[in-house]
Amino acid sequence: MTQQEKLEALALMFDEEVSAITPETRLDNLIFDSVAKMALVALLSEQFDRRVNMQEFKALKSIQDILNLMHE
């Protein structure tokens, strides 16, 4: 999955325009509620076979942090 495809998937998850999502976008500027958090867990699990522990999850502050999890 390319960087652009990842940003598109995150924009869809956050119900935002793709142009509004950049690596620098802070999660506190988005609606990062329980539904979005569960969607993120599902996305990471299904698309990247990635499990996130609670410490990693709490450390997420920006879209770049999520993109970093997608690379690991």
PDB file of N, CA and C in Angstrom:
ATOM      1  N   MET A   1       0.852  -1.176   0.000  1.00  0.00           N
ATOM      2  CA  MET A   1       0.000   0.000   0.000  1.00  0.00           C
ATOM      3  C   MET A   1       0.898   1.240   0.000  1.00  0.00           C
ATOM      4  N   THR A   2       0.603   2.156  -0.888  1.00  0.00           N
ATOM      5  CA  THR A   2       1.409   3.373  -0.977  1.00  0.00           C
ATOM      6  C   THR A   2       1.039   4.340   0.145  1.00  0.00           C
ATOM      7  N   GLN A   3       1.875   5.340   0.336  1.00  0.00           N
ATOM      8  CA  GLN A   3       1.611   6.384   1.339  1.00  0.00           C
ATOM      9  C   GLN A   3       0.265   7.060   1.058  1.00  0.00           C
ATOM     10  N   GLN A   4      -0.007   7.357  -0.210  1.00  0.00           N
ATOM     11  CA  GLN A   4      -1.262   8.009  -0.586  1.00  0.00           C
ATOM     12  C   GLN A   4      -2.455   7.109  -0.265  1.00  0.00           C
ATOM     13  N   GLU A   5      -2.335   5.831  -0.542  1.00  0.00           N
ATOM     14  CA  GLU A   5      -3.422   4.889  -0.235  1.00  0.00           C
ATOM     15  C   GLU A   5      -3.659   4.802   1.271  1.00  0.00           C
ATOM     16  N   LYS A   6      -2.588   4.854   2.038  1.00  0.00           N
ATOM     17  CA  LYS A   6      -2.727   4.844   3.499  1.00  0.00           C
ATOM     18  C   LYS A   6      -3.442   6.097   3.971  1.00  0.00           C
ATOM     19  N   LEU A   7      -3.063   7.244   3.419  1.00  0.00           N
ATOM     20  CA  LEU A   7      -3.723   8.498   3.792  1.00  0.00           C
ATOM     21  C   LEU A   7      -5.194   8.482   3.390  1.00  0.00           C
ATOM     22  N   GLU A   8      -5.493   7.894   2.238  1.00  0.00           N
ATOM     23  CA  GLU A   8      -6.885   7.781   1.802  1.00  0.00           C
ATOM     24  C   GLU A   8      -7.683   6.892   2.745  1.00  0.00           C
ATOM     25  N   ALA A   9      -7.095   5.783   3.173  1.00  0.00           N
ATOM     26  CA  ALA A   9      -7.772   4.884   4.110  1.00  0.00           C
ATOM     27  C   ALA A   9      -8.022   5.583   5.445  1.00  0.00           C
ATOM     28  N   LEU A  10      -7.042   6.360   5.902  1.00  0.00           N
ATOM     29  CA  LEU A  10      -7.210   7.088   7.162  1.00  0.00           C
ATOM     30  C   LEU A  10      -8.242   8.201   7.019  1.00  0.00           C
ATOM     31  N   ALA A  11      -8.264   8.872   5.893  1.00  0.00           N
ATOM     32  CA  ALA A  11      -9.274   9.908   5.665  1.00  0.00           C
ATOM     33  C   ALA A  11     -10.667   9.305   5.697  1.00  0.00           C
ATOM     34  N   LEU A  12     -10.837   8.161   5.073  1.00  0.00           N
ATOM     35  CA  LEU A  12     -12.120   7.474   5.089  1.00  0.00           C
ATOM     36  C   LEU A  12     -12.495   7.082   6.517  1.00  0.00           C
ATOM     37  N   MET A  13     -11.536   6.552   7.247  1.00  0.00           N
ATOM     38  CA  MET A  13     -11.780   6.141   8.626  1.00  0.00           C
ATOM     39  C   MET A  13     -12.202   7.318   9.498  1.00  0.00           C
ATOM     40  N   PHE A  14     -11.559   8.473   9.305  1.00  0.00           N
ATOM     41  CA  PHE A  14     -11.865   9.660  10.095  1.00  0.00           C
ATOM     42  C   PHE A  14     -13.009  10.485   9.499  1.00  0.00           C
ATOM     43  N   ASP A  15     -13.568  10.021   8.376  1.00  0.00           N
ATOM     44  CA  ASP A  15     -14.648  10.732   7.689  1.00  0.00           C
ATOM     45  C   ASP A  15     -14.228  12.168   7.363  1.00  0.00           C
ATOM     46  N   GLU A  16     -13.043  12.283   6.777  1.00  0.00           N
ATOM     47  CA  GLU A  16     -12.471  13.574   6.385  1.00  0.00           C
ATOM     48  C   GLU A  16     -12.124  13.531   4.901  1.00  0.00           C
ATOM     49  N   GLU A  17     -11.992  14.701   4.302  1.00  0.00           N
ATOM     50  CA  GLU A  17     -11.495  14.790   2.937  1.00  0.00           C
ATOM     51  C   GLU A  17     -10.026  14.359   2.926  1.00  0.00           C
ATOM     52  N   VAL A  18      -9.604  13.699   1.869  1.00  0.00           N
ATOM     53  CA  VAL A  18      -8.212  13.258   1.762  1.00  0.00           C
ATOM     54  C   VAL A  18      -7.271  14.445   1.873  1.00  0.00           C
ATOM     55  N   SER A  19      -7.653  15.568   1.319  1.00  0.00           N
ATOM     56  CA  SER A  19      -6.803  16.758   1.354  1.00  0.00           C
ATOM     57  C   SER A  19      -6.624  17.300   2.772  1.00  0.00           C
ATOM     58  N   ALA A  20      -7.493  16.910   3.691  1.00  0.00           N
ATOM     59  CA  ALA A  20      -7.414  17.386   5.078  1.00  0.00           C
ATOM     60  C   ALA A  20      -6.485  16.529   5.936  1.00  0.00           C
ATOM     61  N   ILE A  21      -6.050  15.392   5.406  1.00  0.00           N
ATOM     62  CA  ILE A  21      -5.216  14.461   6.163  1.00  0.00           C
ATOM     63  C   ILE A  21      -3.797  14.492   5.612  1.00  0.00           C
ATOM     64  N   THR A  22      -2.855  14.870   6.468  1.00  0.00           N
ATOM     65  CA  THR A  22      -1.432  14.843   6.125  1.00  0.00           C
ATOM     66  C   THR A  22      -0.707  14.150   7.273  1.00  0.00           C
ATOM     67  N   PRO A  23       0.536  13.761   7.066  1.00  0.00           N
ATOM     68  CA  PRO A  23       1.277  13.157   8.174  1.00  0.00           C
ATOM     69  C   PRO A  23       1.355  14.057   9.404  1.00  0.00           C
ATOM     70  N   GLU A  24       1.307  15.364   9.199  1.00  0.00           N
ATOM     71  CA  GLU A  24       1.423  16.308  10.314  1.00  0.00           C
ATOM     72  C   GLU A  24       0.103  16.530  11.053  1.00  0.00           C
ATOM     73  N   THR A  25      -1.005  16.032  10.518  1.00  0.00           N
ATOM     74  CA  THR A  25      -2.306  16.231  11.154  1.00  0.00           C
ATOM     75  C   THR A  25      -2.307  15.625  12.548  1.00  0.00           C
ATOM     76  N   ARG A  26      -2.689  16.431  13.520  1.00  0.00           N
ATOM     77  CA  ARG A  26      -2.760  15.969  14.911  1.00  0.00           C
ATOM     78  C   ARG A  26      -4.087  15.257  15.140  1.00  0.00           C
ATOM     79  N   LEU A  27      -4.038  14.161  15.862  1.00  0.00           N
ATOM     80  CA  LEU A  27      -5.252  13.399  16.124  1.00  0.00           C
ATOM     81  C   LEU A  27      -6.249  14.184  16.965  1.00  0.00           C
ATOM     82  N   ASP A  28      -5.764  15.111  17.791  1.00  0.00           N
ATOM     83  CA  ASP A  28      -6.692  15.898  18.594  1.00  0.00           C
ATOM     84  C   ASP A  28      -7.439  16.932  17.750  1.00  0.00           C
ATOM     85  N   ASN A  29      -7.073  17.066  16.464  1.00  0.00           N
ATOM     86  CA  ASN A  29      -7.815  17.932  15.545  1.00  0.00           C
ATOM     87  C   ASN A  29      -8.856  17.150  14.744  1.00  0.00           C
ATOM     88  N   LEU A  30      -8.912  15.837  14.986  1.00  0.00           N
ATOM     89  CA  LEU A  30      -9.859  14.961  14.310  1.00  0.00           C
ATOM     90  C   LEU A  30     -10.811  14.370  15.348  1.00  0.00           C
ATOM     91  N   ILE A  31     -11.876  13.780  14.864  1.00  0.00           N
ATOM     92  CA  ILE A  31     -12.771  13.066  15.785  1.00  0.00           C
ATOM     93  C   ILE A  31     -12.190  11.678  15.987  1.00  0.00           C
ATOM     94  N   PHE A  32     -11.425  11.534  17.046  1.00  0.00           N
ATOM     95  CA  PHE A  32     -10.751  10.267  17.356  1.00  0.00           C
ATOM     96  C   PHE A  32     -11.451   9.652  18.556  1.00  0.00           C
ATOM     97  N   ASP A  33     -12.739   9.323  18.333  1.00  0.00           N
ATOM     98  CA  ASP A  33     -13.565   8.760  19.387  1.00  0.00           C
ATOM     99  C   ASP A  33     -13.426   7.242  19.419  1.00  0.00           C
ATOM    100  N   SER A  34     -14.232   6.599  20.230  1.00  0.00           N
ATOM    101  CA  SER A  34     -14.121   5.145  20.393  1.00  0.00           C
ATOM    102  C   SER A  34     -14.392   4.408  19.080  1.00  0.00           C
ATOM    103  N   VAL A  35     -15.301   4.918  18.272  1.00  0.00           N
ATOM    104  CA  VAL A  35     -15.581   4.275  16.985  1.00  0.00           C
ATOM    105  C   VAL A  35     -14.355   4.372  16.072  1.00  0.00           C
ATOM    106  N   ALA A  36     -13.739   5.543  16.006  1.00  0.00           N
ATOM    107  CA  ALA A  36     -12.544   5.721  15.188  1.00  0.00           C
ATOM    108  C   ALA A  36     -11.395   4.852  15.705  1.00  0.00           C
ATOM    109  N   LYS A  37     -11.276   4.731  17.002  1.00  0.00           N
ATOM    110  CA  LYS A  37     -10.207   3.904  17.577  1.00  0.00           C
ATOM    111  C   LYS A  37     -10.403   2.437  17.210  1.00  0.00           C
ATOM    112  N   MET A  38     -11.652   1.966  17.259  1.00  0.00           N
ATOM    113  CA  MET A  38     -11.915   0.581  16.880  1.00  0.00           C
ATOM    114  C   MET A  38     -11.669   0.376  15.379  1.00  0.00           C
ATOM    115  N   ALA A  39     -12.020   1.369  14.580  1.00  0.00           N
ATOM    116  CA  ALA A  39     -11.760   1.286  13.142  1.00  0.00           C
ATOM    117  C   ALA A  39     -10.259   1.225  12.871  1.00  0.00           C
ATOM    118  N   LEU A  40      -9.486   1.982  13.632  1.00  0.00           N
ATOM    119  CA  LEU A  40      -8.029   1.958  13.473  1.00  0.00           C
ATOM    120  C   LEU A  40      -7.471   0.593  13.845  1.00  0.00           C
ATOM    121  N   VAL A  41      -7.939   0.034  14.931  1.00  0.00           N
ATOM    122  CA  VAL A  41      -7.500  -1.307  15.340  1.00  0.00           C
ATOM    123  C   VAL A  41      -7.808  -2.311  14.238  1.00  0.00           C
ATOM    124  N   ALA A  42      -9.014  -2.233  13.670  1.00  0.00           N
ATOM    125  CA  ALA A  42      -9.401  -3.146  12.592  1.00  0.00           C
ATOM    126  C   ALA A  42      -8.534  -2.942  11.354  1.00  0.00           C
ATOM    127  N   LEU A  43      -8.312  -1.688  10.979  1.00  0.00           N
ATOM    128  CA  LEU A  43      -7.482  -1.384   9.812  1.00  0.00           C
ATOM    129  C   LEU A  43      -6.073  -1.942   9.980  1.00  0.00           C
ATOM    130  N   LEU A  44      -5.471  -1.687  11.113  1.00  0.00           N
ATOM    131  CA  LEU A  44      -4.099  -2.167  11.360  1.00  0.00           C
ATOM    132  C   LEU A  44      -4.047  -3.685  11.364  1.00  0.00           C
ATOM    133  N   SER A  45      -5.055  -4.308  11.942  1.00  0.00           N
ATOM    134  CA  SER A  45      -5.090  -5.761  12.022  1.00  0.00           C
ATOM    135  C   SER A  45      -5.317  -6.396  10.655  1.00  0.00           C
ATOM    136  N   GLU A  46      -6.325  -5.912   9.940  1.00  0.00           N
ATOM    137  CA  GLU A  46      -6.704  -6.540   8.669  1.00  0.00           C
ATOM    138  C   GLU A  46      -5.755  -6.218   7.522  1.00  0.00           C
ATOM    139  N   GLN A  47      -5.330  -4.988   7.413  1.00  0.00           N
ATOM    140  CA  GLN A  47      -4.515  -4.580   6.272  1.00  0.00           C
ATOM    141  C   GLN A  47      -3.012  -4.768   6.485  1.00  0.00           C
ATOM    142  N   PHE A  48      -2.585  -4.725   7.756  1.00  0.00           N
ATOM    143  CA  PHE A  48      -1.147  -4.744   8.027  1.00  0.00           C
ATOM    144  C   PHE A  48      -0.724  -5.854   8.981  1.00  0.00           C
ATOM    145  N   ASP A  49      -1.679  -6.705   9.355  1.00  0.00           N
ATOM    146  CA  ASP A  49      -1.399  -7.795  10.294  1.00  0.00           C
ATOM    147  C   ASP A  49      -0.633  -7.272  11.503  1.00  0.00           C
ATOM    148  N   ARG A  50      -1.084  -6.140  12.006  1.00  0.00           N
ATOM    149  CA  ARG A  50      -0.388  -5.431  13.085  1.00  0.00           C
ATOM    150  C   ARG A  50      -1.287  -5.347  14.299  1.00  0.00           C
ATOM    151  N   ARG A  51      -0.785  -5.788  15.425  1.00  0.00           N
ATOM    152  CA  ARG A  51      -1.481  -5.665  16.701  1.00  0.00           C
ATOM    153  C   ARG A  51      -0.807  -4.540  17.478  1.00  0.00           C
ATOM    154  N   VAL A  52      -1.609  -3.676  18.068  1.00  0.00           N
ATOM    155  CA  VAL A  52      -1.082  -2.524  18.791  1.00  0.00           C
ATOM    156  C   VAL A  52      -1.367  -2.712  20.267  1.00  0.00           C
ATOM    157  N   ASN A  53      -0.317  -2.588  21.083  1.00  0.00           N
ATOM    158  CA  ASN A  53      -0.548  -2.702  22.519  1.00  0.00           C
ATOM    159  C   ASN A  53      -1.030  -1.360  23.068  1.00  0.00           C
ATOM    160  N   MET A  54      -1.513  -1.371  24.284  1.00  0.00           N
ATOM    161  CA  MET A  54      -2.114  -0.176  24.872  1.00  0.00           C
ATOM    162  C   MET A  54      -1.119   0.982  24.956  1.00  0.00           C
ATOM    163  N   GLN A  55       0.125   0.700  25.292  1.00  0.00           N
ATOM    164  CA  GLN A  55       1.139   1.749  25.392  1.00  0.00           C
ATOM    165  C   GLN A  55       1.354   2.425  24.034  1.00  0.00           C
ATOM    166  N   GLU A  56       1.447   1.633  22.962  1.00  0.00           N
ATOM    167  CA  GLU A  56       1.608   2.193  21.621  1.00  0.00           C
ATOM    168  C   GLU A  56       0.376   3.020  21.240  1.00  0.00           C
ATOM    169  N   PHE A  57      -0.794   2.502  21.566  1.00  0.00           N
ATOM    170  CA  PHE A  57      -2.032   3.180  21.212  1.00  0.00           C
ATOM    171  C   PHE A  57      -2.145   4.531  21.903  1.00  0.00           C
ATOM    172  N   LYS A  58      -1.803   4.585  23.174  1.00  0.00           N
ATOM    173  CA  LYS A  58      -1.883   5.834  23.924  1.00  0.00           C
ATOM    174  C   LYS A  58      -0.854   6.857  23.447  1.00  0.00           C
ATOM    175  N   ALA A  59       0.221   6.394  22.825  1.00  0.00           N
ATOM    176  CA  ALA A  59       1.282   7.291  22.360  1.00  0.00           C
ATOM    177  C   ALA A  59       0.950   7.954  21.021  1.00  0.00           C
ATOM    178  N   LEU A  60      -0.116   7.540  20.363  1.00  0.00           N
ATOM    179  CA  LEU A  60      -0.473   8.112  19.065  1.00  0.00           C
ATOM    180  C   LEU A  60      -0.908   9.558  19.223  1.00  0.00           C
ATOM    181  N   LYS A  61      -0.233  10.441  18.507  1.00  0.00           N
ATOM    182  CA  LYS A  61      -0.543  11.873  18.565  1.00  0.00           C
ATOM    183  C   LYS A  61      -0.838  12.469  17.194  1.00  0.00           C
ATOM    184  N   SER A  62      -0.348  11.827  16.139  1.00  0.00           N
ATOM    185  CA  SER A  62      -0.500  12.391  14.796  1.00  0.00           C
ATOM    186  C   SER A  62      -0.726  11.278  13.773  1.00  0.00           C
ATOM    187  N   ILE A  63      -1.099  11.689  12.587  1.00  0.00           N
ATOM    188  CA  ILE A  63      -1.248  10.737  11.487  1.00  0.00           C
ATOM    189  C   ILE A  63       0.090  10.051  11.212  1.00  0.00           C
ATOM    190  N   GLN A  64       1.199  10.779  11.350  1.00  0.00           N
ATOM    191  CA  GLN A  64       2.518  10.172  11.137  1.00  0.00           C
ATOM    192  C   GLN A  64       2.747   9.015  12.096  1.00  0.00           C
ATOM    193  N   ASP A  65       2.295   9.140  13.327  1.00  0.00           N
ATOM    194  CA  ASP A  65       2.433   8.038  14.283  1.00  0.00           C
ATOM    195  C   ASP A  65       1.706   6.796  13.793  1.00  0.00           C
ATOM    196  N   ILE A  66       0.538   6.985  13.216  1.00  0.00           N
ATOM    197  CA  ILE A  66      -0.219   5.850  12.673  1.00  0.00           C
ATOM    198  C   ILE A  66       0.502   5.289  11.458  1.00  0.00           C
ATOM    199  N   LEU A  67       0.994   6.168  10.588  1.00  0.00           N
ATOM    200  CA  LEU A  67       1.739   5.702   9.411  1.00  0.00           C
ATOM    201  C   LEU A  67       2.970   4.891   9.829  1.00  0.00           C
ATOM    202  N   ASN A  68       3.618   5.289  10.907  1.00  0.00           N
ATOM    203  CA  ASN A  68       4.768   4.534  11.402  1.00  0.00           C
ATOM    204  C   ASN A  68       4.368   3.133  11.805  1.00  0.00           C
ATOM    205  N   LEU A  69       3.201   2.968  12.401  1.00  0.00           N
ATOM    206  CA  LEU A  69       2.728   1.635  12.763  1.00  0.00           C
ATOM    207  C   LEU A  69       2.436   0.795  11.521  1.00  0.00           C
ATOM    208  N   MET A  70       2.041   1.454  10.460  1.00  0.00           N
ATOM    209  CA  MET A  70       1.738   0.749   9.224  1.00  0.00           C
ATOM    210  C   MET A  70       3.007   0.230   8.549  1.00  0.00           C
ATOM    211  N   HIS A  71       4.153   0.790   8.887  1.00  0.00           N
ATOM    212  CA  HIS A  71       5.427   0.348   8.283  1.00  0.00           C
ATOM    213  C   HIS A  71       6.075  -0.781   9.062  1.00  0.00           C
ATOM    214  N   GLU A  72       5.776  -0.864  10.334  1.00  0.00           N
ATOM    215  CA  GLU A  72       6.487  -1.837  11.183  1.00  0.00           C
ATOM    216  C   GLU A  72       6.031  -3.250  10.931  1.00  0.00           C
TER     217      GLU A  72
END
